[in-house]
PDB file of all heavy atoms in Angstrom:
ATOM      1  N   TYR A   1      -0.965  -7.969 -15.645  1.00  0.00           N
ATOM      2  CA  TYR A   1      -2.059  -8.453 -14.799  1.00  0.00           C
ATOM      3  C   TYR A   1      -1.765  -9.856 -14.261  1.00  0.00           C
ATOM      4  O   TYR A   1      -1.996 -10.144 -13.100  1.00  0.00           O
ATOM      5  CB  TYR A   1      -3.385  -8.435 -15.558  1.00  0.00           C
ATOM      6  CG  TYR A   1      -4.540  -8.887 -14.726  1.00  0.00           C
ATOM      7  CD1 TYR A   1      -5.080  -8.054 -13.751  1.00  0.00           C
ATOM      8  CD2 TYR A   1      -5.084 -10.158 -14.879  1.00  0.00           C
ATOM      9  CE1 TYR A   1      -6.128  -8.473 -12.951  1.00  0.00           C
ATOM     10  CE2 TYR A   1      -6.139 -10.580 -14.094  1.00  0.00           C
ATOM     11  CZ  TYR A   1      -6.660  -9.736 -13.140  1.00  0.00           C
ATOM     12  OH  TYR A   1      -7.700 -10.160 -12.347  1.00  0.00           O
ATOM     13  N   LYS A   2      -1.232 -10.731 -15.097  1.00  0.00           N
ATOM     14  CA  LYS A   2      -0.933 -12.101 -14.657  1.00  0.00           C
ATOM     15  C   LYS A   2       0.162 -12.125 -13.592  1.00  0.00           C
ATOM     16  O   LYS A   2       0.199 -13.031 -12.768  1.00  0.00           O
ATOM     17  CB  LYS A   2      -0.564 -12.962 -15.854  1.00  0.00           C
ATOM     18  CG  LYS A   2      -1.714 -13.172 -16.804  1.00  0.00           C
ATOM     19  CD  LYS A   2      -1.857 -14.597 -17.180  1.00  0.00           C
ATOM     20  CE  LYS A   2      -2.959 -14.779 -18.184  1.00  0.00           C
ATOM     21  NZ  LYS A   2      -4.175 -15.259 -17.605  1.00  0.00           N
ATOM     22  N   LYS A   3       1.056 -11.134 -13.586  1.00  0.00           N
ATOM     23  CA  LYS A   3       2.105 -11.051 -12.567  1.00  0.00           C
ATOM     24  C   LYS A   3       1.578 -10.495 -11.248  1.00  0.00           C
ATOM     25  O   LYS A   3       2.217 -10.654 -10.219  1.00  0.00           O
ATOM     26  CB  LYS A   3       3.257 -10.170 -13.056  1.00  0.00           C
ATOM     27  CG  LYS A   3       4.070 -10.789 -14.152  1.00  0.00           C
ATOM     28  CD  LYS A   3       5.178  -9.849 -14.566  1.00  0.00           C
ATOM     29  CE  LYS A   3       5.941 -10.383 -15.754  1.00  0.00           C
ATOM     30  NZ  LYS A   3       6.970  -9.442 -16.209  1.00  0.00           N
ATOM     31  N   ASN A   4       0.421  -9.843 -11.277  1.00  0.00           N
ATOM     32  CA  ASN A   4      -0.178  -9.258 -10.082  1.00  0.00           C
ATOM     33  C   ASN A   4      -0.585 -10.386  -9.141  1.00  0.00           C
ATOM     34  O   ASN A   4      -1.379 -11.252  -9.510  1.00  0.00           O
ATOM     35  CB  ASN A   4      -1.396  -8.419 -10.483  1.00  0.00           C
ATOM     36  CG  ASN A   4      -2.005  -7.663  -9.341  1.00  0.00           C
ATOM     37  OD1 ASN A   4      -2.140  -8.182  -8.238  1.00  0.00           O
ATOM     38  ND2 ASN A   4      -2.408  -6.448  -9.602  1.00  0.00           N
ATOM     39  N   GLN A   5      -0.055 -10.392  -7.934  1.00  0.00           N
ATOM     40  CA  GLN A   5      -0.292 -11.495  -6.997  1.00  0.00           C
ATOM     41  C   GLN A   5      -1.757 -11.659  -6.624  1.00  0.00           C
ATOM     42  O   GLN A   5      -2.230 -12.772  -6.425  1.00  0.00           O
ATOM     43  CB  GLN A   5       0.533 -11.295  -5.731  1.00  0.00           C
ATOM     44  CG  GLN A   5       2.009 -11.429  -5.973  1.00  0.00           C
ATOM     45  CD  GLN A   5       2.820 -11.182  -4.709  1.00  0.00           C
ATOM     46  OE1 GLN A   5       2.287 -10.937  -3.646  1.00  0.00           O
ATOM     47  NE2 GLN A   5       4.123 -11.260  -4.834  1.00  0.00           N
ATOM     48  N   THR A   6      -2.501 -10.574  -6.510  1.00  0.00           N
ATOM     49  CA  THR A   6      -3.888 -10.677  -6.052  1.00  0.00           C
ATOM     50  C   THR A   6      -4.883 -10.879  -7.187  1.00  0.00           C
ATOM     51  O   THR A   6      -5.952 -11.421  -6.965  1.00  0.00           O
ATOM     52  CB  THR A   6      -4.298  -9.421  -5.252  1.00  0.00           C
ATOM     53  OG1 THR A   6      -4.153  -8.271  -6.077  1.00  0.00           O
ATOM     54  CG2 THR A   6      -3.443  -9.277  -4.001  1.00  0.00           C
ATOM     55  N   GLN A   7      -4.572 -10.430  -8.386  1.00  0.00           N
ATOM     56  CA  GLN A   7      -5.430 -10.515  -9.568  1.00  0.00           C
ATOM     57  C   GLN A   7      -6.900 -10.184  -9.268  1.00  0.00           C
ATOM     58  O   GLN A   7      -7.795 -10.982  -9.518  1.00  0.00           O
ATOM     59  CB  GLN A   7      -5.300 -11.879 -10.239  1.00  0.00           C
ATOM     60  CG  GLN A   7      -3.937 -12.086 -10.818  1.00  0.00           C
ATOM     61  CD  GLN A   7      -3.804 -13.330 -11.663  1.00  0.00           C
ATOM     62  OE1 GLN A   7      -4.660 -14.198 -11.658  1.00  0.00           O
ATOM     63  NE2 GLN A   7      -2.734 -13.404 -12.391  1.00  0.00           N
ATOM     64  N   PRO A   8      -7.158  -8.972  -8.767  1.00  0.00           N
ATOM     65  CA  PRO A   8      -8.544  -8.564  -8.543  1.00  0.00           C
ATOM     66  C   PRO A   8      -9.280  -8.398  -9.866  1.00  0.00           C
ATOM     67  O   PRO A   8      -8.660  -8.318 -10.926  1.00  0.00           O
ATOM     68  CB  PRO A   8      -8.421  -7.235  -7.810  1.00  0.00           C
ATOM     69  CG  PRO A   8      -7.060  -6.751  -8.115  1.00  0.00           C
ATOM     70  CD  PRO A   8      -6.210  -7.945  -8.417  1.00  0.00           C
ATOM     71  N   ASP A   9     -10.581  -8.349  -9.797  1.00  0.00           N
ATOM     72  CA  ASP A   9     -11.420  -8.187 -10.979  1.00  0.00           C
ATOM     73  C   ASP A   9     -10.940  -6.985 -11.793  1.00  0.00           C
ATOM     74  O   ASP A   9     -10.731  -5.909 -11.249  1.00  0.00           O
ATOM     75  CB  ASP A   9     -12.872  -7.990 -10.533  1.00  0.00           C
ATOM     76  CG  ASP A   9     -13.842  -7.885 -11.695  1.00  0.00           C
ATOM     77  OD1 ASP A   9     -13.453  -8.144 -12.857  1.00  0.00           O
ATOM     78  OD2 ASP A   9     -15.007  -7.542 -11.437  1.00  0.00           O
ATOM     79  N   GLN A  10     -10.786  -7.185 -13.082  1.00  0.00           N
ATOM     80  CA  GLN A  10     -10.321  -6.108 -13.952  1.00  0.00           C
ATOM     81  C   GLN A  10     -11.428  -5.090 -14.237  1.00  0.00           C
ATOM     82  O   GLN A  10     -11.143  -3.958 -14.595  1.00  0.00           O
ATOM     83  CB  GLN A  10      -9.804  -6.680 -15.273  1.00  0.00           C
ATOM     84  CG  GLN A  10      -8.524  -7.475 -15.095  1.00  0.00           C
ATOM     85  CD  GLN A  10      -8.069  -8.097 -16.385  1.00  0.00           C
ATOM     86  OE1 GLN A  10      -8.803  -8.839 -17.030  1.00  0.00           O
ATOM     87  NE2 GLN A  10      -6.851  -7.795 -16.789  1.00  0.00           N
ATOM     88  N   ASN A  11     -12.689  -5.484 -14.090  1.00  0.00           N
ATOM     89  CA  ASN A  11     -13.820  -4.628 -14.414  1.00  0.00           C
ATOM     90  C   ASN A  11     -14.333  -3.869 -13.201  1.00  0.00           C
ATOM     91  O   ASN A  11     -15.472  -4.024 -12.773  1.00  0.00           O
ATOM     92  CB  ASN A  11     -14.945  -5.454 -15.050  1.00  0.00           C
ATOM     93  CG  ASN A  11     -14.536  -5.996 -16.390  1.00  0.00           C
ATOM     94  OD1 ASN A  11     -14.006  -5.263 -17.215  1.00  0.00           O
ATOM     95  ND2 ASN A  11     -14.737  -7.274 -16.597  1.00  0.00           N
ATOM     96  N   GLN A  12     -13.464  -3.054 -12.645  1.00  0.00           N
ATOM     97  CA  GLN A  12     -13.779  -2.162 -11.537  1.00  0.00           C
ATOM     98  C   GLN A  12     -12.815  -0.989 -11.661  1.00  0.00           C
ATOM     99  O   GLN A  12     -11.833  -1.077 -12.389  1.00  0.00           O
ATOM    100  CB  GLN A  12     -13.591  -2.863 -10.192  1.00  0.00           C
ATOM    101  CG  GLN A  12     -12.157  -3.287  -9.911  1.00  0.00           C
ATOM    102  CD  GLN A  12     -12.004  -3.956  -8.569  1.00  0.00           C
ATOM    103  OE1 GLN A  12     -12.471  -3.449  -7.567  1.00  0.00           O
ATOM    104  NE2 GLN A  12     -11.354  -5.121  -8.564  1.00  0.00           N
ATOM    105  N   PRO A  13     -13.063   0.101 -10.990  1.00  0.00           N
ATOM    106  CA  PRO A  13     -12.104   1.209 -11.065  1.00  0.00           C
ATOM    107  C   PRO A  13     -10.721   0.789 -10.549  1.00  0.00           C
ATOM    108  O   PRO A  13     -10.614   0.050  -9.568  1.00  0.00           O
ATOM    109  CB  PRO A  13     -12.727   2.278 -10.164  1.00  0.00           C
ATOM    110  CG  PRO A  13     -14.183   1.975 -10.180  1.00  0.00           C
ATOM    111  CD  PRO A  13     -14.269   0.472 -10.239  1.00  0.00           C
ATOM    112  N   TRP A  14      -9.681   1.256 -11.226  1.00  0.00           N
ATOM    113  CA  TRP A  14      -8.296   1.047 -10.838  1.00  0.00           C
ATOM    114  C   TRP A  14      -7.651   2.418 -10.685  1.00  0.00           C
ATOM    115  O   TRP A  14      -8.014   3.357 -11.391  1.00  0.00           O
ATOM    116  CB  TRP A  14      -7.543   0.236 -11.901  1.00  0.00           C
ATOM    117  CG  TRP A  14      -7.853  -1.231 -11.834  1.00  0.00           C
ATOM    118  CD1 TRP A  14      -9.045  -1.830 -12.098  1.00  0.00           C
ATOM    119  CD2 TRP A  14      -6.951  -2.270 -11.477  1.00  0.00           C
ATOM    120  NE1 TRP A  14      -8.943  -3.183 -11.932  1.00  0.00           N
ATOM    121  CE2 TRP A  14      -7.671  -3.483 -11.554  1.00  0.00           C
ATOM    122  CE3 TRP A  14      -5.610  -2.296 -11.106  1.00  0.00           C
ATOM    123  CZ2 TRP A  14      -7.086  -4.709 -11.261  1.00  0.00           C
ATOM    124  CZ3 TRP A  14      -5.026  -3.524 -10.818  1.00  0.00           C
ATOM    125  CH2 TRP A  14      -5.765  -4.711 -10.899  1.00  0.00           C
ATOM    126  N   TYR A  15      -6.695   2.527  -9.772  1.00  0.00           N
ATOM    127  CA  TYR A  15      -6.129   3.821  -9.405  1.00  0.00           C
ATOM    128  C   TYR A  15      -4.614   3.852  -9.518  1.00  0.00           C
ATOM    129  O   TYR A  15      -3.938   2.899  -9.152  1.00  0.00           O
ATOM    130  CB  TYR A  15      -6.519   4.157  -7.958  1.00  0.00           C
ATOM    131  CG  TYR A  15      -8.003   4.228  -7.776  1.00  0.00           C
ATOM    132  CD1 TYR A  15      -8.729   3.102  -7.405  1.00  0.00           C
ATOM    133  CD2 TYR A  15      -8.691   5.413  -8.007  1.00  0.00           C
ATOM    134  CE1 TYR A  15     -10.101   3.159  -7.258  1.00  0.00           C
ATOM    135  CE2 TYR A  15     -10.064   5.480  -7.857  1.00  0.00           C
ATOM    136  CZ  TYR A  15     -10.770   4.350  -7.485  1.00  0.00           C
ATOM    137  OH  TYR A  15     -12.126   4.408  -7.354  1.00  0.00           O
ATOM    138  N   HIS A  16      -4.109   4.998  -9.980  1.00  0.00           N
ATOM    139  CA  HIS A  16      -2.675   5.278 -10.003  1.00  0.00           C
ATOM    140  C   HIS A  16      -2.368   5.963  -8.669  1.00  0.00           C
ATOM    141  O   HIS A  16      -2.968   6.994  -8.350  1.00  0.00           O
ATOM    142  CB  HIS A  16      -2.333   6.197 -11.172  1.00  0.00           C
ATOM    143  CG  HIS A  16      -2.708   5.609 -12.500  1.00  0.00           C
ATOM    144  ND1 HIS A  16      -1.869   4.767 -13.200  1.00  0.00           N
ATOM    145  CD2 HIS A  16      -3.836   5.725 -13.234  1.00  0.00           C
ATOM    146  CE1 HIS A  16      -2.465   4.402 -14.320  1.00  0.00           C
ATOM    147  NE2 HIS A  16      -3.660   4.969 -14.363  1.00  0.00           N
ATOM    148  N   VAL A  17      -1.459   5.370  -7.902  1.00  0.00           N
ATOM    149  CA  VAL A  17      -1.213   5.802  -6.523  1.00  0.00           C
ATOM    150  C   VAL A  17       0.275   6.086  -6.301  1.00  0.00           C
ATOM    151  O   VAL A  17       1.126   5.271  -6.679  1.00  0.00           O
ATOM    152  CB  VAL A  17      -1.662   4.693  -5.532  1.00  0.00           C
ATOM    153  CG1 VAL A  17      -1.378   5.095  -4.097  1.00  0.00           C
ATOM    154  CG2 VAL A  17      -3.131   4.337  -5.734  1.00  0.00           C
ATOM    155  N   LEU A  18       0.571   7.230  -5.686  1.00  0.00           N
ATOM    156  CA  LEU A  18       1.928   7.518  -5.225  1.00  0.00           C
ATOM    157  C   LEU A  18       2.033   6.959  -3.815  1.00  0.00           C
ATOM    158  O   LEU A  18       1.237   7.319  -2.939  1.00  0.00           O
ATOM    159  CB  LEU A  18       2.191   9.024  -5.195  1.00  0.00           C
ATOM    160  CG  LEU A  18       2.024   9.793  -6.502  1.00  0.00           C
ATOM    161  CD1 LEU A  18       2.356  11.271  -6.285  1.00  0.00           C
ATOM    162  CD2 LEU A  18       2.861   9.202  -7.611  1.00  0.00           C
ATOM    163  N   VAL A  19       3.000   6.088  -3.578  1.00  0.00           N
ATOM    164  CA  VAL A  19       3.143   5.393  -2.300  1.00  0.00           C
ATOM    165  C   VAL A  19       3.973   6.218  -1.322  1.00  0.00           C
ATOM    166  O   VAL A  19       5.068   6.681  -1.649  1.00  0.00           O
ATOM    167  CB  VAL A  19       3.778   4.002  -2.502  1.00  0.00           C
ATOM    168  CG1 VAL A  19       3.966   3.289  -1.172  1.00  0.00           C
ATOM    169  CG2 VAL A  19       2.902   3.161  -3.436  1.00  0.00           C
ATOM    170  N   ASP A  20       3.434   6.371  -0.115  1.00  0.00           N
ATOM    171  CA  ASP A  20       4.065   7.143   0.946  1.00  0.00           C
ATOM    172  C   ASP A  20       5.438   6.586   1.316  1.00  0.00           C
ATOM    173  O   ASP A  20       5.648   5.377   1.355  1.00  0.00           O
ATOM    174  CB  ASP A  20       3.153   7.111   2.183  1.00  0.00           C
ATOM    175  CG  ASP A  20       3.617   8.025   3.299  1.00  0.00           C
ATOM    176  OD1 ASP A  20       4.310   9.020   3.030  1.00  0.00           O
ATOM    177  OD2 ASP A  20       3.250   7.741   4.457  1.00  0.00           O
ATOM    178  N   GLN A  21       6.373   7.495   1.594  1.00  0.00           N
ATOM    179  CA  GLN A  21       7.728   7.186   2.047  1.00  0.00           C
ATOM    180  C   GLN A  21       8.488   6.265   1.097  1.00  0.00           C
ATOM    181  O   GLN A  21       9.222   5.364   1.525  1.00  0.00           O
ATOM    182  CB  GLN A  21       7.697   6.608   3.464  1.00  0.00           C
ATOM    183  CG  GLN A  21       7.129   7.581   4.457  1.00  0.00           C
ATOM    184  CD  GLN A  21       7.111   7.034   5.873  1.00  0.00           C
ATOM    185  OE1 GLN A  21       7.501   5.907   6.134  1.00  0.00           O
ATOM    186  NE2 GLN A  21       6.671   7.854   6.802  1.00  0.00           N
ATOM    187  N   SER A  22       8.267   6.478  -0.212  1.00  0.00           N
ATOM    188  CA  SER A  22       8.982   5.709  -1.224  1.00  0.00           C
ATOM    189  C   SER A  22       8.994   6.499  -2.523  1.00  0.00           C
ATOM    190  O   SER A  22       8.453   7.602  -2.585  1.00  0.00           O
ATOM    191  CB  SER A  22       8.298   4.351  -1.449  1.00  0.00           C
ATOM    192  OG  SER A  22       7.143   4.500  -2.242  1.00  0.00           O
ATOM    193  N   THR A  23       9.579   5.912  -3.539  1.00  0.00           N
ATOM    194  CA  THR A  23       9.515   6.485  -4.873  1.00  0.00           C
ATOM    195  C   THR A  23       8.553   5.688  -5.746  1.00  0.00           C
ATOM    196  O   THR A  23       8.432   5.948  -6.941  1.00  0.00           O
ATOM    197  CB  THR A  23      10.909   6.507  -5.540  1.00  0.00           C
ATOM    198  OG1 THR A  23      11.403   5.163  -5.596  1.00  0.00           O
ATOM    199  CG2 THR A  23      11.880   7.391  -4.773  1.00  0.00           C
ATOM    200  N   ALA A  24       7.883   4.707  -5.155  1.00  0.00           N
ATOM    201  CA  ALA A  24       7.007   3.798  -5.899  1.00  0.00           C
ATOM    202  C   ALA A  24       5.677   4.438  -6.284  1.00  0.00           C
ATOM    203  O   ALA A  24       5.123   5.262  -5.562  1.00  0.00           O
ATOM    204  CB  ALA A  24       6.739   2.544  -5.066  1.00  0.00           C
ATOM    205  N   CYS A  25       5.187   4.018  -7.436  1.00  0.00           N
ATOM    206  CA  CYS A  25       3.850   4.337  -7.903  1.00  0.00           C
ATOM    207  C   CYS A  25       3.175   2.993  -8.155  1.00  0.00           C
ATOM    208  O   CYS A  25       3.779   2.107  -8.764  1.00  0.00           O
ATOM    209  CB  CYS A  25       3.895   5.119  -9.206  1.00  0.00           C
ATOM    210  SG  CYS A  25       4.821   6.652  -9.099  1.00  0.00           S
ATOM    211  N   THR A  26       1.961   2.821  -7.668  1.00  0.00           N
ATOM    212  CA  THR A  26       1.266   1.551  -7.867  1.00  0.00           C
ATOM    213  C   THR A  26       0.005   1.757  -8.679  1.00  0.00           C
ATOM    214  O   THR A  26      -0.468   2.877  -8.864  1.00  0.00           O
ATOM    215  CB  THR A  26       0.893   0.885  -6.527  1.00  0.00           C
ATOM    216  OG1 THR A  26      -0.040   1.718  -5.839  1.00  0.00           O
ATOM    217  CG2 THR A  26       2.107   0.623  -5.677  1.00  0.00           C
ATOM    218  N   TYR A  27      -0.539   0.644  -9.139  1.00  0.00           N
ATOM    219  CA  TYR A  27      -1.795   0.615  -9.875  1.00  0.00           C
ATOM    220  C   TYR A  27      -2.653  -0.383  -9.118  1.00  0.00           C
ATOM    221  O   TYR A  27      -2.371  -1.577  -9.110  1.00  0.00           O
ATOM    222  CB  TYR A  27      -1.510   0.156 -11.305  1.00  0.00           C
ATOM    223  CG  TYR A  27      -2.644   0.326 -12.280  1.00  0.00           C
ATOM    224  CD1 TYR A  27      -3.341   1.539 -12.381  1.00  0.00           C
ATOM    225  CD2 TYR A  27      -3.000  -0.704 -13.132  1.00  0.00           C
ATOM    226  CE1 TYR A  27      -4.358   1.699 -13.303  1.00  0.00           C
ATOM    227  CE2 TYR A  27      -4.003  -0.547 -14.064  1.00  0.00           C
ATOM    228  CZ  TYR A  27      -4.685   0.654 -14.151  1.00  0.00           C
ATOM    229  OH  TYR A  27      -5.696   0.812 -15.069  1.00  0.00           O
ATOM    230  N   ALA A  28      -3.675   0.104  -8.433  1.00  0.00           N
ATOM    231  CA  ALA A  28      -4.427  -0.733  -7.506  1.00  0.00           C
ATOM    232  C   ALA A  28      -5.920  -0.734  -7.818  1.00  0.00           C
ATOM    233  O   ALA A  28      -6.491   0.294  -8.196  1.00  0.00           O
ATOM    234  CB  ALA A  28      -4.202  -0.243  -6.079  1.00  0.00           C
ATOM    235  N   ALA A  29      -6.537  -1.896  -7.608  1.00  0.00           N
ATOM    236  CA  ALA A  29      -7.979  -2.044  -7.802  1.00  0.00           C
ATOM    237  C   ALA A  29      -8.740  -1.424  -6.644  1.00  0.00           C
ATOM    238  O   ALA A  29      -8.285  -1.440  -5.499  1.00  0.00           O
ATOM    239  CB  ALA A  29      -8.330  -3.526  -7.919  1.00  0.00           C
ATOM    240  N   SER A  30      -9.904  -0.917  -6.941  1.00  0.00           N
ATOM    241  CA  SER A  30     -10.752  -0.263  -5.944  1.00  0.00           C
ATOM    242  C   SER A  30     -10.983  -1.141  -4.720  1.00  0.00           C
ATOM    243  O   SER A  30     -10.930  -0.667  -3.590  1.00  0.00           O
ATOM    244  CB  SER A  30     -12.095   0.102  -6.590  1.00  0.00           C
ATOM    245  OG  SER A  30     -12.896   0.816  -5.703  1.00  0.00           O
ATOM    246  N   GLN A  31     -11.241  -2.433  -4.942  1.00  0.00           N
ATOM    247  CA  GLN A  31     -11.562  -3.334  -3.833  1.00  0.00           C
ATOM    248  C   GLN A  31     -10.422  -3.468  -2.833  1.00  0.00           C
ATOM    249  O   GLN A  31     -10.645  -3.880  -1.693  1.00  0.00           O
ATOM    250  CB  GLN A  31     -11.958  -4.711  -4.345  1.00  0.00           C
ATOM    251  CG  GLN A  31     -10.784  -5.527  -4.879  1.00  0.00           C
ATOM    252  CD  GLN A  31     -11.209  -6.843  -5.483  1.00  0.00           C
ATOM    253  OE1 GLN A  31     -12.112  -6.891  -6.310  1.00  0.00           O
ATOM    254  NE2 GLN A  31     -10.556  -7.909  -5.076  1.00  0.00           N
ATOM    255  N   ASN A  32      -9.204  -3.108  -3.227  1.00  0.00           N
ATOM    256  CA  ASN A  32      -8.043  -3.252  -2.349  1.00  0.00           C
ATOM    257  C   ASN A  32      -7.710  -1.985  -1.575  1.00  0.00           C
ATOM    258  O   ASN A  32      -6.736  -1.968  -0.820  1.00  0.00           O
ATOM    259  CB  ASN A  32      -6.821  -3.686  -3.158  1.00  0.00           C
ATOM    260  CG  ASN A  32      -6.958  -5.103  -3.661  1.00  0.00           C
ATOM    261  OD1 ASN A  32      -7.644  -5.917  -3.070  1.00  0.00           O
ATOM    262  ND2 ASN A  32      -6.320  -5.392  -4.773  1.00  0.00           N
ATOM    263  N   LEU A  33      -8.494  -0.932  -1.759  1.00  0.00           N
ATOM    264  CA  LEU A  33      -8.181   0.343  -1.126  1.00  0.00           C
ATOM    265  C   LEU A  33      -9.272   0.787  -0.163  1.00  0.00           C
ATOM    266  O   LEU A  33     -10.449   0.484  -0.365  1.00  0.00           O
ATOM    267  CB  LEU A  33      -8.005   1.424  -2.197  1.00  0.00           C
ATOM    268  CG  LEU A  33      -6.953   1.159  -3.266  1.00  0.00           C
ATOM    269  CD1 LEU A  33      -6.954   2.277  -4.299  1.00  0.00           C
ATOM    270  CD2 LEU A  33      -5.581   0.977  -2.657  1.00  0.00           C
ATOM    271  N   VAL A  34      -8.857   1.504   0.873  1.00  0.00           N
ATOM    272  CA  VAL A  34      -9.784   2.150   1.807  1.00  0.00           C
ATOM    273  C   VAL A  34      -9.281   3.571   2.039  1.00  0.00           C
ATOM    274  O   VAL A  34      -8.086   3.844   1.922  1.00  0.00           O
ATOM    275  CB  VAL A  34      -9.912   1.406   3.164  1.00  0.00           C
ATOM    276  CG1 VAL A  34     -10.550   0.046   2.987  1.00  0.00           C
ATOM    277  CG2 VAL A  34      -8.575   1.286   3.854  1.00  0.00           C
ATOM    278  N   ALA A  35     -10.193   4.453   2.378  1.00  0.00           N
ATOM    279  CA  ALA A  35      -9.804   5.832   2.686  1.00  0.00           C
ATOM    280  C   ALA A  35      -8.954   5.835   3.950  1.00  0.00           C
ATOM    281  O   ALA A  35      -9.207   5.082   4.889  1.00  0.00           O
ATOM    282  CB  ALA A  35     -11.049   6.685   2.875  1.00  0.00           C
ATOM    283  N   ASP A  36      -7.938   6.678   3.955  1.00  0.00           N
ATOM    284  CA  ASP A  36      -7.088   6.836   5.138  1.00  0.00           C
ATOM    285  C   ASP A  36      -7.605   8.043   5.919  1.00  0.00           C
ATOM    286  O   ASP A  36      -7.515   9.170   5.432  1.00  0.00           O
ATOM    287  CB  ASP A  36      -5.639   7.057   4.724  1.00  0.00           C
ATOM    288  CG  ASP A  36      -4.729   7.213   5.914  1.00  0.00           C
ATOM    289  OD1 ASP A  36      -4.594   8.350   6.415  1.00  0.00           O
ATOM    290  OD2 ASP A  36      -4.159   6.204   6.359  1.00  0.00           O
ATOM    291  N   PRO A  37      -8.139   7.814   7.119  1.00  0.00           N
ATOM    292  CA  PRO A  37      -8.747   8.906   7.877  1.00  0.00           C
ATOM    293  C   PRO A  37      -7.758   9.740   8.697  1.00  0.00           C
ATOM    294  O   PRO A  37      -8.157  10.681   9.387  1.00  0.00           O
ATOM    295  CB  PRO A  37      -9.711   8.171   8.802  1.00  0.00           C
ATOM    296  CG  PRO A  37      -9.027   6.872   9.073  1.00  0.00           C
ATOM    297  CD  PRO A  37      -8.319   6.518   7.781  1.00  0.00           C
ATOM    298  N   SER A  38      -6.461   9.443   8.620  1.00  0.00           N
ATOM    299  CA  SER A  38      -5.493  10.103   9.494  1.00  0.00           C
ATOM    300  C   SER A  38      -5.372  11.605   9.252  1.00  0.00           C
ATOM    301  O   SER A  38      -5.017  12.349  10.162  1.00  0.00           O
ATOM    302  CB  SER A  38      -4.117   9.446   9.352  1.00  0.00           C
ATOM    303  OG  SER A  38      -3.533   9.773   8.103  1.00  0.00           O
ATOM    304  N   GLY A  39      -5.607  12.042   8.014  1.00  0.00           N
ATOM    305  CA  GLY A  39      -5.465  13.462   7.700  1.00  0.00           C
ATOM    306  C   GLY A  39      -4.031  13.932   7.586  1.00  0.00           C
ATOM    307  O   GLY A  39      -3.769  15.123   7.464  1.00  0.00           O
ATOM    308  N   THR A  40      -3.089  12.992   7.631  1.00  0.00           N
ATOM    309  CA  THR A  40      -1.678  13.362   7.553  1.00  0.00           C
ATOM    310  C   THR A  40      -1.163  13.244   6.125  1.00  0.00           C
ATOM    311  O   THR A  40      -1.580  12.361   5.374  1.00  0.00           O
ATOM    312  CB  THR A  40      -0.816  12.490   8.489  1.00  0.00           C
ATOM    313  OG1 THR A  40      -0.981  11.121   8.126  1.00  0.00           O
ATOM    314  CG2 THR A  40      -1.229  12.675   9.932  1.00  0.00           C
ATOM    315  N   PRO A  41      -0.245  14.126   5.739  1.00  0.00           N
ATOM    316  CA  PRO A  41       0.290  14.091   4.381  1.00  0.00           C
ATOM    317  C   PRO A  41       1.178  12.871   4.151  1.00  0.00           C
ATOM    318  O   PRO A  41       1.585  12.206   5.091  1.00  0.00           O
ATOM    319  CB  PRO A  41       1.097  15.383   4.271  1.00  0.00           C
ATOM    320  CG  PRO A  41       1.355  15.821   5.655  1.00  0.00           C
ATOM    321  CD  PRO A  41       0.293  15.224   6.524  1.00  0.00           C
ATOM    322  N   ILE A  42       1.458  12.615   2.888  1.00  0.00           N
ATOM    323  CA  ILE A  42       2.389  11.544   2.535  1.00  0.00           C
ATOM    324  C   ILE A  42       3.689  12.179   2.042  1.00  0.00           C
ATOM    325  O   ILE A  42       3.744  13.380   1.781  1.00  0.00           O
ATOM    326  CB  ILE A  42       1.810  10.572   1.485  1.00  0.00           C
ATOM    327  CG1 ILE A  42       1.653  11.254   0.132  1.00  0.00           C
ATOM    328  CG2 ILE A  42       0.501   9.969   1.947  1.00  0.00           C
ATOM    329  CD1 ILE A  42       1.546  10.275  -0.996  1.00  0.00           C
TER     330      ILE A  42
END
């Protein structure tokens, strides 16, 4: 958490995310995410 550049509030939902066009998986706070309306696959 201390290495996380943004350090969002820990007391909110956090998500495990597969990142498009990469092999990366991230762990992101709810406040940093928005729904993607494109309807296109990753």
